[in-house]
Protein backbone atom coordinates (compact mmCIF):
# COMPACT_ATOMS: atom_id res chain seq x y z
CA LEU A 1 22.35 -4.60 9.20
CA LYS A 2 25.84 -6.43 8.98
CA ARG A 3 25.88 -8.13 12.70
CA GLN A 4 21.85 -9.05 11.24
CA PRO A 5 22.57 -12.63 9.92
CA ALA A 6 19.88 -12.37 7.71
CA TYR A 7 21.76 -9.67 6.04
CA GLU A 8 25.05 -10.33 6.80
CA ASP A 9 26.28 -11.37 3.48
CA LEU A 10 24.04 -8.89 1.74
CA PHE A 11 26.37 -6.28 3.13
CA SER A 12 29.74 -7.68 4.00
CA ASP A 13 31.36 -5.72 1.17
CA VAL A 14 29.87 -2.45 1.96
CA ASP A 15 32.05 0.40 2.94
CA ASP A 16 30.23 2.15 5.31
CA GLN A 17 30.71 5.10 4.59
CA SER A 18 30.56 5.71 1.16
CA PHE A 19 27.15 3.62 0.64
CA HIS A 20 23.67 5.74 0.73
CA ARG A 21 19.90 5.01 0.86
CA SER A 22 18.98 3.94 -2.45
CA ALA A 23 22.35 1.71 -2.69
CA ILE A 24 20.63 0.27 0.49
CA GLU A 25 17.35 -0.01 -1.31
CA GLN A 26 19.06 -2.11 -4.51
CA ARG A 27 20.25 -4.55 -2.06
CA LEU A 28 17.50 -5.04 0.76
CA LEU A 29 14.18 -5.38 -2.14
CA PRO A 30 15.52 -8.33 -3.64
CA SER A 31 16.23 -9.80 -0.68
CA LYS A 32 12.45 -9.28 0.71
CA TYR A 33 11.47 -10.96 -2.45
CA ARG A 34 13.85 -13.56 -1.78
CA ASP A 35 11.83 -14.76 1.52
CA PHE A 36 8.71 -14.53 0.21
CA THR A 37 10.37 -17.29 -2.53
CA LYS A 38 11.54 -19.44 0.59
CA LEU A 39 7.59 -18.99 2.14
CA TYR A 40 6.39 -19.81 -1.17
CA ARG A 41 8.31 -22.87 -1.81
CA PHE A 42 7.84 -24.14 1.63
CA SER A 43 3.63 -24.02 1.65
CA ARG A 44 0.99 -25.97 1.29
CA VAL A 45 -1.57 -25.10 -1.86
CA SER A 46 -4.05 -23.43 0.82
CA GLN A 47 -0.82 -21.11 2.08
CA ARG A 48 -0.31 -20.16 -1.41
CA LYS A 49 -3.23 -18.95 -1.94
CA PHE A 50 -2.74 -16.31 -0.01
CA LEU A 51 1.00 -15.57 -0.30
CA ASP A 52 -0.47 -15.16 -4.17
CA LEU A 53 -2.69 -12.44 -3.14
CA TYR A 54 -0.42 -10.67 -0.87
CA PHE A 55 1.97 -10.45 -3.68
CA LEU A 56 -0.46 -7.54 -4.53
CA HIS A 57 1.50 -5.68 -2.25
CA TYR A 58 4.85 -6.21 -4.17
CA GLU A 59 3.42 -5.36 -7.48
CA ILE A 60 1.77 -2.49 -5.47
CA ALA A 61 5.01 -1.13 -3.88
CA ILE A 62 6.94 -1.72 -7.78
CA LEU A 63 4.03 0.33 -9.85
CA LYS A 64 4.22 3.49 -7.09
CA ARG A 65 8.24 3.39 -7.89
CA CYS A 66 7.93 3.27 -11.38
CA LEU A 67 5.04 6.23 -11.88
CA ARG A 68 7.18 8.10 -9.87
CA CYS A 69 9.80 8.22 -12.14
CA VAL A 70 7.36 8.69 -15.00
CA LEU A 71 5.29 11.66 -13.73
CA ASP A 72 8.69 12.89 -12.22
CA HIS A 73 10.50 12.80 -16.26
CA ARG A 74 13.51 10.76 -14.35
CA ASN A 75 14.71 7.62 -15.25
CA PRO A 76 14.11 4.59 -12.36
CA ASP A 77 16.09 4.77 -9.17
CA LEU A 78 15.77 0.74 -8.65
CA ASP A 79 17.31 -1.93 -11.41
CA LEU A 80 13.72 -3.88 -11.96
CA SER A 81 16.00 -6.39 -13.41
CA LEU A 82 16.71 -7.69 -10.22
CA PHE A 83 13.49 -8.63 -10.04
CA GLN A 84 12.52 -10.28 -13.31
CA GLU A 85 12.73 -13.71 -12.07
CA PHE A 86 10.51 -13.80 -9.43
CA PHE A 87 8.37 -11.46 -10.78
CA GLU A 88 7.62 -14.21 -14.38
CA LYS A 89 6.62 -16.57 -11.19
CA HIS A 90 4.12 -14.74 -9.69
CA SER A 91 2.98 -11.54 -11.99
CA HIS A 92 1.49 -10.90 -15.00
CA LEU A 93 3.60 -7.47 -14.65
CA ASN A 94 5.92 -6.51 -17.49
CA LEU A 95 8.80 -5.12 -15.59
CA MET A 96 10.99 -4.15 -18.21
CA ALA A 97 8.44 -2.11 -20.15
CA LEU A 98 6.68 -0.63 -16.95
CA SER A 99 10.44 0.78 -16.33
CA SER A 100 10.99 1.96 -20.02
CA ALA A 101 7.31 4.07 -20.38
CA GLN A 102 7.84 7.49 -20.67
CA THR A 103 4.82 8.69 -20.15
CA ILE A 104 1.52 7.76 -18.56
CA GLN A 105 -0.02 6.54 -21.62
CA ASP A 106 2.95 4.53 -21.91
CA PHE A 107 2.83 3.38 -18.69
CA VAL A 108 -0.78 2.16 -18.49
CA SER A 109 -0.59 0.49 -21.56
CA ASN A 110 1.51 -1.69 -20.43
CA LEU A 111 -0.53 -2.70 -17.83
CA GLY A 112 -2.85 -4.65 -20.69
CA GLY A 113 -4.08 -8.17 -19.51
CA THR A 114 -3.60 -7.21 -15.16
CA VAL A 115 -6.45 -5.96 -12.54
CA PHE A 116 -4.51 -2.85 -12.77
CA TYR A 117 -5.37 -1.49 -16.42
CA ASP A 118 -8.53 -1.25 -15.79
CA LEU A 119 -8.30 0.66 -12.04
CA LEU A 120 -6.07 3.02 -13.89
CA ALA A 121 -7.06 3.99 -17.49
CA ASP A 122 -9.76 6.17 -16.98
CA LEU A 123 -7.44 7.98 -14.39
CA ALA A 124 -4.77 8.73 -17.28
CA GLU A 125 -7.38 9.89 -19.44
CA THR A 126 -8.37 12.59 -16.50
CA PRO A 127 -7.01 15.86 -16.44
CA GLY A 128 -5.00 16.81 -13.49
CA THR A 129 -4.88 13.34 -12.07
CA THR A 130 -2.13 12.92 -9.72
CA LEU A 131 0.73 10.80 -8.55
CA PHE A 132 -2.03 10.67 -5.30
CA ASP A 133 -4.38 9.94 -7.39
CA TYR A 134 -3.06 6.63 -8.41
CA GLU A 135 -1.12 5.41 -5.75
CA LEU A 136 -4.69 6.16 -3.94
CA LYS A 137 -6.72 3.74 -6.44
CA MET A 138 -4.19 0.88 -5.79
CA ASP A 139 -3.68 1.13 -2.14
CA LEU A 140 -7.79 1.09 -1.95
CA LEU A 141 -7.56 -2.39 -4.47
CA TYR A 142 -5.18 -4.19 -1.74
CA PHE A 143 -7.31 -3.22 1.38
CA LYS A 144 -9.85 -4.64 -0.31
CA THR A 145 -8.71 -7.28 -1.93
CA MET A 146 -7.16 -8.58 1.30
CA TRP A 147 -10.63 -7.81 3.39
CA LYS A 148 -12.33 -10.15 1.34
CA GLN A 149 -10.00 -12.75 1.89
CA ALA A 150 -11.17 -13.22 5.09
CA SER A 151 -14.02 -15.34 4.15
CA TYR A 152 -12.62 -17.16 1.95
CA LEU A 153 -10.43 -18.63 5.14
CA SER A 154 -10.78 -20.95 7.83
CA LYS A 155 -12.37 -19.32 11.06
CA LYS A 156 -9.22 -18.95 12.58
CA GLU A 157 -7.35 -17.82 9.86
CA ALA A 158 -9.94 -15.06 9.17
CA GLU A 159 -9.73 -13.50 12.77
CA ILE A 160 -6.53 -13.45 12.40
CA LEU A 161 -6.44 -11.74 9.48
CA THR A 162 -9.17 -9.44 10.68
CA GLN A 163 -6.61 -8.74 13.65
CA CYS A 164 -3.79 -7.62 11.62
CA PHE A 165 -5.39 -5.75 9.21
CA GLY A 166 -8.82 -4.58 10.85
CA SER A 167 -7.45 -1.56 13.04
CA LYS A 168 -4.93 -0.82 9.99
CA LEU A 169 -7.73 0.34 8.60
CA ASP A 170 -9.49 1.91 10.36
CA LEU A 171 -6.48 3.83 11.45
CA LEU A 172 -5.80 4.85 7.97
CA ASN A 173 -9.58 6.11 7.27
CA ILE A 174 -8.75 8.31 10.90
CA GLN A 175 -5.97 9.95 9.31
CA TRP A 176 -7.29 10.15 6.20
CA ILE A 177 -10.56 12.31 7.61
CA TYR A 178 -8.07 14.35 9.77
CA ARG A 179 -5.75 14.68 6.60
CA SER A 180 -8.67 15.98 4.37
CA LYS A 181 -10.57 17.97 6.94
CA ARG A 182 -6.89 19.93 8.62
CA TYR A 183 -5.22 20.47 5.59
CA TYR A 184 -6.78 20.64 2.24
CA HIS A 185 -10.50 21.70 3.41
CA MET A 186 -12.31 19.00 1.67
CA THR A 187 -15.84 18.10 1.59
CA SER A 188 -17.94 15.39 2.63
CA ALA A 189 -18.18 13.85 -0.17
CA GLN A 190 -14.90 14.48 -1.59
CA ILE A 191 -13.48 13.02 1.68
CA TYR A 192 -15.80 9.81 1.26
CA ALA A 193 -14.42 8.97 -2.17
CA LEU A 194 -11.16 8.31 0.15
CA LEU A 195 -11.97 6.46 2.42
CA ILE A 196 -11.38 2.36 2.66
CA PRO A 197 -14.89 1.11 2.62
CA VAL A 198 -13.78 -1.42 5.50
CA HIS A 199 -15.32 -1.31 9.10
CA HIS A 200 -13.82 -3.14 11.84
CA ARG A 201 -13.93 -1.55 15.04
CA LEU A 202 -14.61 2.12 13.49
CA LYS A 203 -18.48 1.22 12.64
CA LYS A 204 -20.09 3.35 9.99
CA ASP A 205 -21.89 5.58 12.06
CA VAL A 206 -18.66 7.18 13.68
CA VAL A 207 -17.17 7.92 9.93
CA LYS A 208 -20.25 9.64 9.07
CA ALA A 209 -19.75 11.62 12.59
CA LEU A 210 -16.11 11.81 11.90
CA VAL A 211 -16.40 13.21 8.26
CA GLU A 212 -18.98 15.71 8.80
CA ALA A 213 -17.82 17.14 11.70
CA GLU A 214 -18.24 20.54 11.74
CA ASN A 215 -14.82 21.69 12.89
CA MET A 216 -11.82 20.54 14.15
CA SER A 217 -13.04 20.77 17.74
CA ALA A 218 -15.71 18.92 17.09
CA PHE A 219 -13.85 15.93 15.66
CA SER A 220 -11.67 16.28 18.69
CA GLN A 221 -13.96 15.26 20.63
CA LEU A 222 -15.48 12.80 18.39
CA LEU A 223 -12.10 11.05 18.23
CA GLU A 224 -12.30 10.83 22.21
CA GLN A 225 -15.22 8.37 21.47
CA THR A 226 -14.01 6.00 19.52
CA TYR A 227 -12.57 3.19 20.76
CA TYR A 228 -9.16 3.49 20.34
CA ALA A 229 -8.85 6.83 21.79
CA LYS A 230 -10.87 5.25 24.82
CA ARG A 231 -8.30 2.42 24.28
CA TYR A 232 -4.95 4.16 24.28
CA ASP A 233 -4.72 7.29 26.65
CA SER A 234 -2.37 9.12 24.39
CA PHE A 235 -4.49 8.59 20.71
CA LYS A 236 -5.56 12.18 20.37
CA VAL A 237 -5.43 15.14 17.41
CA ASP A 238 -2.02 16.61 18.41
CA THR A 239 0.05 12.83 19.07
CA LEU A 240 -2.33 11.32 15.31
């Protein structure tokens, strides 16, 4: 990183031998937000609308960090005051209140007035809710919001967004179906509840067949008939 111009100033005073992952992240994350700010500053109005939407990605990343600390009953591993000024310009989240929350109820109440409150409030009142449930809800919100944005963009921009996100969402759905069947033996109804309701090259009937495959052998055979398996030779169950 020291040899990369974009990061040279961040790590010029660092002792390579004594630095650890958490300390590296403390420096890398603010630089990511700094880069976003530069892009935002020189963007036109239509581009800023998209960047405002994309900012949801950063909000969710911070919320996941805070959630893990709340549920694990440990102190935050990241100084959120580093992002305070940046979030005040782009977000309705109160980072200081979220980072000091001791219970999941406190955490959710501090989300009042944001799109995340209604999304997570019911989960907080449901016994047995896990970190996975909270993170899944937020991920689905992000993917659905970004995908919906394509209808507001120009034809060229919509094509770029579809190309960037379409395959990613298809592949995430395939992974989640596989893991649900292979490791957790979930029912079809449970698997459908996990999936991103977006279909790019993985059409609805193909998703249905994969979800309802009677065993892993049948799943593997169906997987080999998908667009991705036909395009990539190594796209198989054991390399998924």
